[in-house]
């Protein structure tokens, strides 16, 4: 007979462990007086992925959860899919330890799998929401230039989750949280 309480506790401990590991690659993205969003450290050397709408109105700055703060510059943007890539400026030799997020292969996703969204909803830094993948497919771009593959989930998102990672139950990034696309 399966002990449902023990199984539930094991699942909760697993999700908590994934969250603690994954939040190290989460950053706070500020862009002037226009609010706060999230971003994820994508590559060594301070390359950050976030939503375009988070950084479209001002000079972005990045704050790590440990308090370190950096200016960043926008190096690539795709407004039609609400993505932007930032590069941390003036990264000191001592700060090369920025923790890069593990990237998962989203081609193997299935509807019903667990999904976790990490961000800063309503200013609550480093919060996690959980749900399931509710749909996979493509949606047409608003400018009519094609379509983009999307992962739909029932994870509750709020202002401040924008640009943060959507992760699988192992902590691999499978998407970037957005409500605009």
N, C-alpha and C. Protein backbone atom coordinates (compact mmCIF):
# COMPACT_ATOMS: atom_id res chain seq x y z
N UNK A 1 0.84 -1.18 0.00
CA UNK A 1 0.00 0.00 0.00
C UNK A 1 0.89 1.25 0.00
N UNK A 2 0.52 2.23 -0.79
CA UNK A 2 1.29 3.46 -0.91
C UNK A 2 0.89 4.42 0.21
N UNK A 3 1.88 4.97 0.87
CA UNK A 3 1.64 5.95 1.92
C UNK A 3 1.49 7.32 1.26
N UNK A 4 0.25 7.80 1.12
CA UNK A 4 -0.04 9.05 0.40
C UNK A 4 0.62 10.25 1.06
N UNK A 5 0.68 10.27 2.38
CA UNK A 5 1.30 11.40 3.08
C UNK A 5 2.79 11.43 2.80
N UNK A 6 3.45 10.29 2.87
CA UNK A 6 4.89 10.23 2.60
C UNK A 6 5.17 10.62 1.15
N UNK A 7 4.35 10.15 0.22
CA UNK A 7 4.51 10.50 -1.19
C UNK A 7 4.34 12.00 -1.40
N UNK A 8 3.34 12.58 -0.75
CA UNK A 8 3.09 14.02 -0.84
C UNK A 8 4.26 14.81 -0.27
N UNK A 9 4.78 14.38 0.86
CA UNK A 9 5.93 15.06 1.47
C UNK A 9 7.17 14.96 0.59
N UNK A 10 7.38 13.81 -0.03
CA UNK A 10 8.52 13.63 -0.93
C UNK A 10 8.40 14.56 -2.13
N UNK A 11 7.20 14.66 -2.71
CA UNK A 11 6.97 15.55 -3.84
C UNK A 11 7.21 17.00 -3.43
N UNK A 12 6.68 17.42 -2.30
CA UNK A 12 6.85 18.80 -1.82
C UNK A 12 8.33 19.10 -1.55
N UNK A 13 9.04 18.17 -0.95
CA UNK A 13 10.47 18.37 -0.70
C UNK A 13 11.24 18.49 -2.01
N UNK A 14 10.86 17.71 -3.00
CA UNK A 14 11.51 17.75 -4.30
C UNK A 14 11.29 19.11 -4.97
N UNK A 15 10.06 19.60 -4.96
CA UNK A 15 9.75 20.91 -5.56
C UNK A 15 10.51 22.01 -4.82
N UNK A 16 10.54 21.94 -3.51
CA UNK A 16 11.26 22.93 -2.71
C UNK A 16 12.74 22.92 -3.03
N UNK A 17 13.31 21.76 -3.21
CA UNK A 17 14.73 21.64 -3.55
C UNK A 17 15.02 22.23 -4.93
N UNK A 18 14.15 21.93 -5.90
CA UNK A 18 14.30 22.48 -7.24
C UNK A 18 14.23 24.00 -7.18
N UNK A 19 13.28 24.53 -6.44
CA UNK A 19 13.13 25.98 -6.30
C UNK A 19 14.39 26.60 -5.72
N UNK A 20 14.93 26.05 -4.65
CA UNK A 20 16.12 26.62 -4.01
C UNK A 20 17.32 26.62 -4.95
N UNK A 21 17.48 25.57 -5.74
CA UNK A 21 18.58 25.51 -6.71
C UNK A 21 18.36 26.52 -7.83
N UNK A 22 17.13 26.59 -8.32
CA UNK A 22 16.83 27.39 -9.51
C UNK A 22 16.80 28.88 -9.23
N UNK A 23 16.42 29.28 -8.06
CA UNK A 23 16.29 30.72 -7.79
C UNK A 23 17.62 31.44 -7.82
N UNK A 24 18.74 30.71 -7.74
CA UNK A 24 20.06 31.35 -7.80
C UNK A 24 20.31 32.02 -9.15
N UNK A 25 19.68 31.51 -10.22
CA UNK A 25 19.87 32.10 -11.54
C UNK A 25 18.80 33.14 -11.87
N UNK A 26 17.95 33.44 -10.93
CA UNK A 26 16.89 34.44 -11.09
C UNK A 26 17.43 35.82 -10.75
N UNK A 27 17.07 36.82 -11.55
CA UNK A 27 17.48 38.19 -11.27
C UNK A 27 16.25 39.09 -11.22
N UNK A 28 16.43 40.22 -10.59
CA UNK A 28 15.42 41.28 -10.57
C UNK A 28 15.82 42.26 -11.66
N UNK A 29 14.90 42.55 -12.57
CA UNK A 29 15.17 43.48 -13.66
C UNK A 29 14.37 44.74 -13.39
N UNK A 30 15.08 45.86 -13.28
CA UNK A 30 14.43 47.15 -13.09
C UNK A 30 14.71 48.00 -14.31
N UNK A 31 13.74 48.79 -14.71
CA UNK A 31 13.90 49.63 -15.89
C UNK A 31 13.30 51.00 -15.58
N UNK A 32 14.06 51.80 -14.89
CA UNK A 32 13.57 53.13 -14.52
C UNK A 32 12.45 53.03 -13.50
N UNK A 33 11.46 53.89 -13.65
CA UNK A 33 10.34 53.93 -12.71
C UNK A 33 9.17 53.07 -13.17
N UNK A 34 9.41 52.19 -14.11
CA UNK A 34 8.31 51.46 -14.74
C UNK A 34 8.10 50.06 -14.17
N UNK A 35 8.49 49.85 -12.95
CA UNK A 35 8.21 48.57 -12.33
C UNK A 35 9.38 47.62 -12.34
N UNK A 36 9.11 46.44 -11.88
CA UNK A 36 10.12 45.42 -11.72
C UNK A 36 9.64 44.15 -12.39
N UNK A 37 10.55 43.47 -13.03
CA UNK A 37 10.26 42.18 -13.62
C UNK A 37 11.35 41.21 -13.21
N UNK A 38 11.35 40.09 -13.83
CA UNK A 38 12.33 39.05 -13.55
C UNK A 38 13.14 38.78 -14.80
N UNK A 39 14.22 38.10 -14.61
CA UNK A 39 15.06 37.63 -15.71
C UNK A 39 15.79 36.40 -15.24
N UNK A 40 16.42 35.73 -16.18
CA UNK A 40 17.15 34.51 -15.86
C UNK A 40 18.53 34.59 -16.49
N UNK A 41 19.54 34.20 -15.72
CA UNK A 41 20.92 34.18 -16.22
C UNK A 41 21.02 33.01 -17.19
N UNK A 42 21.22 33.35 -18.46
CA UNK A 42 21.13 32.37 -19.54
C UNK A 42 22.49 31.81 -19.93
N UNK A 43 23.51 32.66 -19.92
CA UNK A 43 24.85 32.25 -20.34
C UNK A 43 25.88 32.84 -19.37
N UNK A 44 27.05 32.19 -19.27
CA UNK A 44 28.12 32.75 -18.44
C UNK A 44 28.50 34.15 -18.94
N UNK A 45 29.02 34.95 -18.07
CA UNK A 45 29.42 36.29 -18.45
C UNK A 45 28.32 37.32 -18.34
N UNK A 46 27.18 36.94 -17.79
CA UNK A 46 26.14 37.92 -17.52
C UNK A 46 25.12 38.13 -18.61
N UNK A 47 24.84 37.14 -19.44
CA UNK A 47 23.77 37.26 -20.43
C UNK A 47 22.45 36.88 -19.75
N UNK A 48 21.48 37.80 -19.81
CA UNK A 48 20.20 37.66 -19.14
C UNK A 48 19.09 37.63 -20.18
N UNK A 49 18.12 36.73 -20.02
CA UNK A 49 16.92 36.72 -20.86
C UNK A 49 15.76 37.21 -20.00
N UNK A 50 14.94 38.07 -20.58
CA UNK A 50 13.77 38.61 -19.91
C UNK A 50 12.71 38.93 -20.96
N UNK A 51 11.61 39.52 -20.54
CA UNK A 51 10.59 39.98 -21.48
C UNK A 51 10.96 41.36 -22.00
N UNK A 52 10.65 41.60 -23.26
CA UNK A 52 10.90 42.90 -23.86
C UNK A 52 10.14 44.00 -23.14
N UNK A 53 8.88 43.74 -22.77
CA UNK A 53 8.09 44.82 -22.15
C UNK A 53 8.66 45.23 -20.79
N UNK A 54 9.47 44.39 -20.18
CA UNK A 54 10.09 44.74 -18.89
C UNK A 54 11.17 45.81 -19.06
N UNK A 55 11.86 45.80 -20.21
CA UNK A 55 13.00 46.70 -20.42
C UNK A 55 12.79 47.72 -21.53
N UNK A 56 11.60 47.81 -22.07
CA UNK A 56 11.38 48.65 -23.25
C UNK A 56 11.29 50.14 -22.94
N UNK A 57 11.19 50.53 -21.68
CA UNK A 57 10.97 51.94 -21.37
C UNK A 57 12.10 52.63 -20.63
N UNK A 58 13.24 52.02 -20.53
CA UNK A 58 14.32 52.69 -19.80
C UNK A 58 15.58 51.87 -19.79
N UNK A 59 16.58 52.41 -19.15
CA UNK A 59 17.88 51.74 -19.01
C UNK A 59 17.76 50.64 -17.96
N UNK A 60 17.97 49.38 -18.35
CA UNK A 60 17.79 48.31 -17.37
C UNK A 60 18.94 48.17 -16.38
N UNK A 61 18.60 47.74 -15.19
CA UNK A 61 19.60 47.33 -14.21
C UNK A 61 19.18 45.97 -13.68
N UNK A 62 20.17 45.24 -13.22
CA UNK A 62 19.99 43.87 -12.76
C UNK A 62 20.40 43.80 -11.30
N UNK A 63 19.58 43.13 -10.51
CA UNK A 63 19.94 42.88 -9.11
C UNK A 63 19.82 41.40 -8.85
N UNK A 64 20.89 40.81 -8.33
CA UNK A 64 20.85 39.41 -7.94
C UNK A 64 20.17 39.29 -6.60
N UNK A 65 19.70 38.09 -6.29
CA UNK A 65 19.02 37.90 -5.02
C UNK A 65 19.95 38.06 -3.82
N UNK A 66 21.28 37.99 -4.05
CA UNK A 66 22.23 38.21 -2.96
C UNK A 66 22.55 39.69 -2.76
N UNK A 67 21.91 40.57 -3.56
CA UNK A 67 22.07 42.01 -3.40
C UNK A 67 23.00 42.68 -4.38
N UNK A 68 23.84 41.93 -5.09
CA UNK A 68 24.73 42.55 -6.08
C UNK A 68 23.89 43.20 -7.17
N UNK A 69 24.32 44.38 -7.60
CA UNK A 69 23.56 45.13 -8.60
C UNK A 69 24.48 45.56 -9.73
N UNK A 70 23.93 45.55 -10.96
CA UNK A 70 24.70 45.88 -12.16
C UNK A 70 23.82 46.67 -13.13
N UNK A 71 24.47 47.50 -13.92
CA UNK A 71 23.80 48.09 -15.07
C UNK A 71 23.84 47.04 -16.17
N UNK A 72 22.89 47.12 -17.08
CA UNK A 72 22.85 46.19 -18.19
C UNK A 72 22.51 46.96 -19.46
N UNK A 73 22.84 46.36 -20.57
CA UNK A 73 22.45 46.97 -21.84
C UNK A 73 21.68 45.95 -22.66
N UNK A 74 20.74 46.45 -23.40
CA UNK A 74 19.91 45.64 -24.27
C UNK A 74 20.74 45.27 -25.50
N UNK A 75 20.97 43.98 -25.72
CA UNK A 75 21.78 43.58 -26.87
C UNK A 75 20.96 42.91 -27.97
N UNK A 76 19.76 42.46 -27.66
CA UNK A 76 18.88 41.89 -28.68
C UNK A 76 17.44 42.02 -28.20
N UNK A 77 16.54 42.17 -29.15
CA UNK A 77 15.13 42.31 -28.79
C UNK A 77 14.26 41.74 -29.89
N UNK A 78 13.18 41.14 -29.47
CA UNK A 78 12.14 40.65 -30.38
C UNK A 78 10.80 41.05 -29.78
N UNK A 79 10.39 42.31 -29.96
CA UNK A 79 9.14 42.78 -29.36
C UNK A 79 7.93 41.94 -29.74
N UNK A 80 7.91 41.39 -30.97
CA UNK A 80 6.75 40.62 -31.41
C UNK A 80 6.57 39.32 -30.64
N UNK A 81 7.63 38.84 -29.97
CA UNK A 81 7.49 37.65 -29.11
C UNK A 81 7.83 37.99 -27.66
N UNK A 82 7.96 39.28 -27.37
CA UNK A 82 8.17 39.79 -26.02
C UNK A 82 9.41 39.21 -25.35
N UNK A 83 10.52 39.12 -26.10
CA UNK A 83 11.78 38.66 -25.52
C UNK A 83 12.87 39.69 -25.72
N UNK A 84 13.76 39.75 -24.74
CA UNK A 84 14.92 40.63 -24.81
C UNK A 84 16.10 39.92 -24.17
N UNK A 85 17.29 40.24 -24.69
CA UNK A 85 18.53 39.74 -24.10
C UNK A 85 19.32 40.93 -23.61
N UNK A 86 19.75 40.83 -22.37
CA UNK A 86 20.55 41.87 -21.73
C UNK A 86 21.95 41.35 -21.50
N UNK A 87 22.90 42.26 -21.48
CA UNK A 87 24.27 41.94 -21.11
C UNK A 87 24.64 42.79 -19.90
N UNK A 88 25.06 42.12 -18.84
CA UNK A 88 25.51 42.84 -17.65
C UNK A 88 26.75 43.63 -18.02
N UNK A 89 26.80 44.91 -17.63
CA UNK A 89 27.94 45.76 -17.91
C UNK A 89 28.89 45.77 -16.73
N UNK A 90 30.15 45.99 -17.03
CA UNK A 90 31.19 46.14 -16.01
C UNK A 90 31.20 44.99 -15.01
N UNK A 91 31.09 43.79 -15.53
CA UNK A 91 31.15 42.61 -14.67
C UNK A 91 32.59 42.45 -14.20
N UNK A 92 32.78 42.48 -12.91
CA UNK A 92 34.12 42.37 -12.33
C UNK A 92 34.61 40.94 -12.40
N UNK A 93 35.92 40.77 -12.44
CA UNK A 93 36.52 39.43 -12.49
C UNK A 93 36.05 38.58 -11.32
N UNK A 94 35.78 39.21 -10.18
CA UNK A 94 35.34 38.46 -9.01
C UNK A 94 33.88 38.02 -9.12
N UNK A 95 33.15 38.61 -10.06
CA UNK A 95 31.72 38.32 -10.18
C UNK A 95 31.40 37.35 -11.32
N UNK A 96 32.38 36.59 -11.76
CA UNK A 96 32.13 35.67 -12.87
C UNK A 96 31.41 34.40 -12.41
N UNK A 97 31.02 34.35 -11.16
CA UNK A 97 30.33 33.18 -10.63
C UNK A 97 28.82 33.25 -10.79
N UNK A 98 28.33 34.10 -11.68
CA UNK A 98 26.88 34.21 -11.85
C UNK A 98 26.33 32.85 -12.24
N UNK A 99 25.36 32.36 -11.49
CA UNK A 99 24.85 31.00 -11.72
C UNK A 99 23.91 30.90 -12.92
N UNK A 100 24.34 30.20 -13.93
CA UNK A 100 23.58 30.04 -15.17
C UNK A 100 22.47 29.01 -14.94
N UNK A 101 21.30 29.32 -15.47
CA UNK A 101 20.16 28.41 -15.35
C UNK A 101 20.36 27.19 -16.24
N UNK A 102 19.98 26.02 -15.76
CA UNK A 102 20.01 24.85 -16.64
C UNK A 102 18.86 24.95 -17.65
N UNK A 103 19.14 24.72 -18.91
CA UNK A 103 18.14 24.83 -19.96
C UNK A 103 17.70 23.41 -20.36
N UNK A 104 16.41 23.18 -20.32
CA UNK A 104 15.86 21.87 -20.68
C UNK A 104 15.45 21.86 -22.15
N UNK A 105 15.33 20.68 -22.71
CA UNK A 105 14.86 20.53 -24.08
C UNK A 105 13.32 20.49 -24.04
N UNK A 106 12.70 21.57 -24.47
CA UNK A 106 11.24 21.67 -24.38
C UNK A 106 10.52 20.82 -25.43
N UNK A 107 11.26 20.23 -26.36
CA UNK A 107 10.61 19.40 -27.38
C UNK A 107 9.99 18.13 -26.79
N UNK A 108 10.46 17.70 -25.61
CA UNK A 108 9.92 16.49 -25.00
C UNK A 108 8.79 16.74 -24.01
N UNK A 109 8.30 17.96 -23.93
CA UNK A 109 7.24 18.27 -22.97
C UNK A 109 5.94 17.57 -23.33
N UNK A 110 5.17 17.28 -22.28
CA UNK A 110 3.85 16.68 -22.48
C UNK A 110 2.83 17.43 -21.63
N UNK A 111 1.63 17.51 -22.13
CA UNK A 111 0.54 18.12 -21.38
C UNK A 111 0.34 17.32 -20.10
N UNK A 112 0.19 18.02 -18.99
CA UNK A 112 0.00 17.39 -17.69
C UNK A 112 1.25 17.36 -16.84
N UNK A 113 2.42 17.66 -17.43
CA UNK A 113 3.64 17.69 -16.63
C UNK A 113 3.64 18.91 -15.72
N UNK A 114 4.34 18.80 -14.61
CA UNK A 114 4.45 19.89 -13.64
C UNK A 114 5.27 21.03 -14.24
N UNK A 115 4.82 22.26 -13.98
CA UNK A 115 5.54 23.46 -14.41
C UNK A 115 5.65 24.40 -13.21
N UNK A 116 6.80 25.05 -13.08
CA UNK A 116 7.06 26.00 -12.00
C UNK A 116 7.44 27.34 -12.60
N UNK A 117 6.86 28.41 -12.08
CA UNK A 117 7.22 29.76 -12.51
C UNK A 117 7.85 30.48 -11.33
N UNK A 118 9.04 31.04 -11.58
CA UNK A 118 9.71 31.81 -10.53
C UNK A 118 9.77 33.25 -10.99
N UNK A 119 9.52 34.16 -10.07
CA UNK A 119 9.58 35.58 -10.38
C UNK A 119 9.39 36.40 -9.14
N UNK A 120 8.90 37.60 -9.34
CA UNK A 120 8.73 38.56 -8.25
C UNK A 120 7.31 39.14 -8.28
N UNK A 121 6.28 38.29 -8.17
CA UNK A 121 4.91 38.80 -8.30
C UNK A 121 4.56 39.81 -7.21
N UNK A 122 4.02 40.94 -7.66
CA UNK A 122 3.61 42.02 -6.77
C UNK A 122 4.74 42.45 -5.84
N UNK A 123 5.99 42.34 -6.32
CA UNK A 123 7.14 42.78 -5.54
C UNK A 123 7.66 41.75 -4.54
N UNK A 124 7.05 40.59 -4.47
CA UNK A 124 7.51 39.53 -3.58
C UNK A 124 8.68 38.83 -4.25
N UNK A 125 9.89 39.14 -3.85
CA UNK A 125 11.10 38.69 -4.52
C UNK A 125 11.29 37.18 -4.36
N UNK A 126 11.54 36.53 -5.49
CA UNK A 126 11.87 35.11 -5.48
C UNK A 126 10.75 34.19 -5.09
N UNK A 127 9.55 34.43 -5.59
CA UNK A 127 8.40 33.57 -5.28
C UNK A 127 8.24 32.51 -6.36
N UNK A 128 7.61 31.41 -6.00
CA UNK A 128 7.38 30.33 -6.94
C UNK A 128 5.89 30.01 -6.99
N UNK A 129 5.41 29.68 -8.19
CA UNK A 129 4.04 29.20 -8.41
C UNK A 129 4.15 27.89 -9.16
N UNK A 130 3.23 27.00 -8.90
CA UNK A 130 3.25 25.69 -9.55
C UNK A 130 1.94 25.42 -10.25
N UNK A 131 2.01 24.61 -11.28
CA UNK A 131 0.84 24.18 -12.02
C UNK A 131 1.24 23.07 -12.96
N UNK A 132 0.48 22.93 -14.02
CA UNK A 132 0.79 21.92 -15.02
C UNK A 132 0.83 22.56 -16.40
N UNK A 133 1.48 21.87 -17.31
CA UNK A 133 1.46 22.29 -18.70
C UNK A 133 0.07 21.93 -19.24
N UNK A 134 -0.62 22.94 -19.72
CA UNK A 134 -2.00 22.74 -20.17
C UNK A 134 -2.14 22.74 -21.68
N UNK A 135 -1.11 23.14 -22.39
CA UNK A 135 -1.18 23.15 -23.84
C UNK A 135 0.17 23.37 -24.46
N UNK A 136 0.37 22.82 -25.63
CA UNK A 136 1.60 23.00 -26.40
C UNK A 136 1.18 23.29 -27.83
N UNK A 137 1.88 24.19 -28.47
CA UNK A 137 1.53 24.49 -29.86
C UNK A 137 2.11 25.80 -30.30
N UNK A 138 1.57 26.34 -31.34
CA UNK A 138 2.06 27.61 -31.85
C UNK A 138 0.91 28.62 -31.89
N UNK A 139 1.30 29.88 -31.83
CA UNK A 139 0.34 30.97 -31.95
C UNK A 139 0.87 31.95 -33.00
N UNK A 140 -0.03 32.57 -33.77
CA UNK A 140 0.44 33.55 -34.76
C UNK A 140 0.96 34.81 -34.07
N UNK A 141 1.99 35.40 -34.66
CA UNK A 141 2.52 36.66 -34.15
C UNK A 141 1.58 37.79 -34.52
N UNK A 142 1.52 38.79 -33.66
CA UNK A 142 0.61 39.91 -33.87
C UNK A 142 0.93 40.69 -35.14
N UNK A 143 2.20 40.70 -35.55
CA UNK A 143 2.57 41.46 -36.73
C UNK A 143 2.38 40.66 -38.02
N UNK A 144 1.88 39.43 -37.90
CA UNK A 144 1.60 38.62 -39.07
C UNK A 144 2.82 37.99 -39.72
N UNK A 145 3.98 38.06 -39.06
CA UNK A 145 5.22 37.58 -39.66
C UNK A 145 5.48 36.09 -39.45
N UNK A 146 4.53 35.38 -38.90
CA UNK A 146 4.74 33.95 -38.68
C UNK A 146 4.09 33.52 -37.38
N UNK A 147 4.67 32.49 -36.78
CA UNK A 147 4.14 31.99 -35.53
C UNK A 147 5.30 31.60 -34.61
N UNK A 148 4.96 31.35 -33.36
CA UNK A 148 5.96 30.97 -32.37
C UNK A 148 5.41 29.80 -31.56
N UNK A 149 6.30 28.90 -31.20
CA UNK A 149 5.92 27.78 -30.35
C UNK A 149 5.75 28.30 -28.93
N UNK A 150 4.69 27.86 -28.26
CA UNK A 150 4.42 28.28 -26.89
C UNK A 150 4.13 27.08 -26.00
N UNK A 151 4.45 27.26 -24.73
CA UNK A 151 4.09 26.32 -23.68
C UNK A 151 3.05 27.03 -22.84
N UNK A 152 1.85 26.52 -22.83
CA UNK A 152 0.79 27.10 -22.00
C UNK A 152 0.75 26.33 -20.69
N UNK A 153 0.53 27.07 -19.61
CA UNK A 153 0.40 26.41 -18.30
C UNK A 153 -0.69 27.09 -17.51
N UNK A 154 -1.13 26.43 -16.48
CA UNK A 154 -2.12 27.04 -15.60
C UNK A 154 -1.45 27.65 -14.37
N UNK A 155 -0.15 27.85 -14.44
CA UNK A 155 0.59 28.49 -13.34
C UNK A 155 0.08 29.92 -13.18
N UNK A 156 -0.22 30.32 -11.95
CA UNK A 156 -0.70 31.67 -11.69
C UNK A 156 0.43 32.68 -11.83
N UNK A 157 0.29 33.60 -12.77
CA UNK A 157 1.28 34.67 -12.97
C UNK A 157 0.67 36.00 -12.57
N UNK A 158 1.51 36.92 -12.12
CA UNK A 158 1.08 38.26 -11.73
C UNK A 158 2.17 39.23 -12.17
N UNK A 159 1.89 40.54 -12.17
CA UNK A 159 2.94 41.50 -12.48
C UNK A 159 4.17 41.25 -11.60
N UNK A 160 5.32 41.15 -12.24
CA UNK A 160 6.57 40.83 -11.55
C UNK A 160 7.07 39.44 -11.91
N UNK A 161 6.19 38.58 -12.43
CA UNK A 161 6.63 37.28 -12.94
C UNK A 161 7.20 37.41 -14.35
N UNK A 162 6.87 38.48 -15.03
CA UNK A 162 7.30 38.67 -16.41
C UNK A 162 8.81 38.54 -16.54
N UNK A 163 9.24 37.70 -17.47
CA UNK A 163 10.65 37.53 -17.77
C UNK A 163 11.32 36.44 -16.96
N UNK A 164 10.65 35.92 -15.96
CA UNK A 164 11.23 34.84 -15.16
C UNK A 164 11.11 33.51 -15.86
N UNK A 165 11.79 32.50 -15.35
CA UNK A 165 11.77 31.20 -16.01
C UNK A 165 10.53 30.38 -15.70
N UNK A 166 10.06 29.65 -16.69
CA UNK A 166 9.10 28.58 -16.51
C UNK A 166 9.94 27.31 -16.55
N UNK A 167 9.84 26.49 -15.52
CA UNK A 167 10.74 25.34 -15.38
C UNK A 167 9.97 24.04 -15.28
N UNK A 168 10.66 22.96 -15.63
CA UNK A 168 10.09 21.63 -15.41
C UNK A 168 10.37 21.21 -13.97
N UNK A 169 9.90 20.05 -13.59
CA UNK A 169 10.04 19.59 -12.20
C UNK A 169 11.48 19.29 -11.81
N UNK A 170 12.38 19.22 -12.79
CA UNK A 170 13.80 19.01 -12.50
C UNK A 170 14.56 20.33 -12.37
N UNK A 171 13.90 21.44 -12.66
CA UNK A 171 14.54 22.75 -12.56
C UNK A 171 15.12 23.25 -13.86
N UNK A 172 14.87 22.58 -14.97
CA UNK A 172 15.34 23.05 -16.27
C UNK A 172 14.38 24.06 -16.86
N UNK A 173 14.92 25.13 -17.43
CA UNK A 173 14.08 26.17 -18.02
C UNK A 173 13.46 25.63 -19.31
N UNK A 174 12.12 25.73 -19.38
CA UNK A 174 11.39 25.30 -20.57
C UNK A 174 10.69 26.45 -21.28
N UNK A 175 10.79 27.64 -20.69
CA UNK A 175 10.18 28.81 -21.30
C UNK A 175 10.42 30.04 -20.45
N UNK A 176 9.98 31.19 -20.95
CA UNK A 176 10.06 32.46 -20.24
C UNK A 176 8.63 32.92 -20.00
N UNK A 177 8.33 33.26 -18.74
CA UNK A 177 6.97 33.67 -18.37
C UNK A 177 6.58 34.96 -19.07
N UNK A 178 5.43 34.94 -19.71
CA UNK A 178 4.86 36.15 -20.30
C UNK A 178 3.35 35.98 -20.38
N UNK A 179 2.65 37.09 -20.30
CA UNK A 179 1.21 37.04 -20.49
C UNK A 179 0.82 37.81 -21.74
N UNK A 180 1.78 38.42 -22.41
CA UNK A 180 1.48 39.28 -23.55
C UNK A 180 1.31 38.48 -24.84
N UNK A 181 2.18 37.52 -25.11
CA UNK A 181 2.10 36.76 -26.35
C UNK A 181 0.80 36.01 -26.41
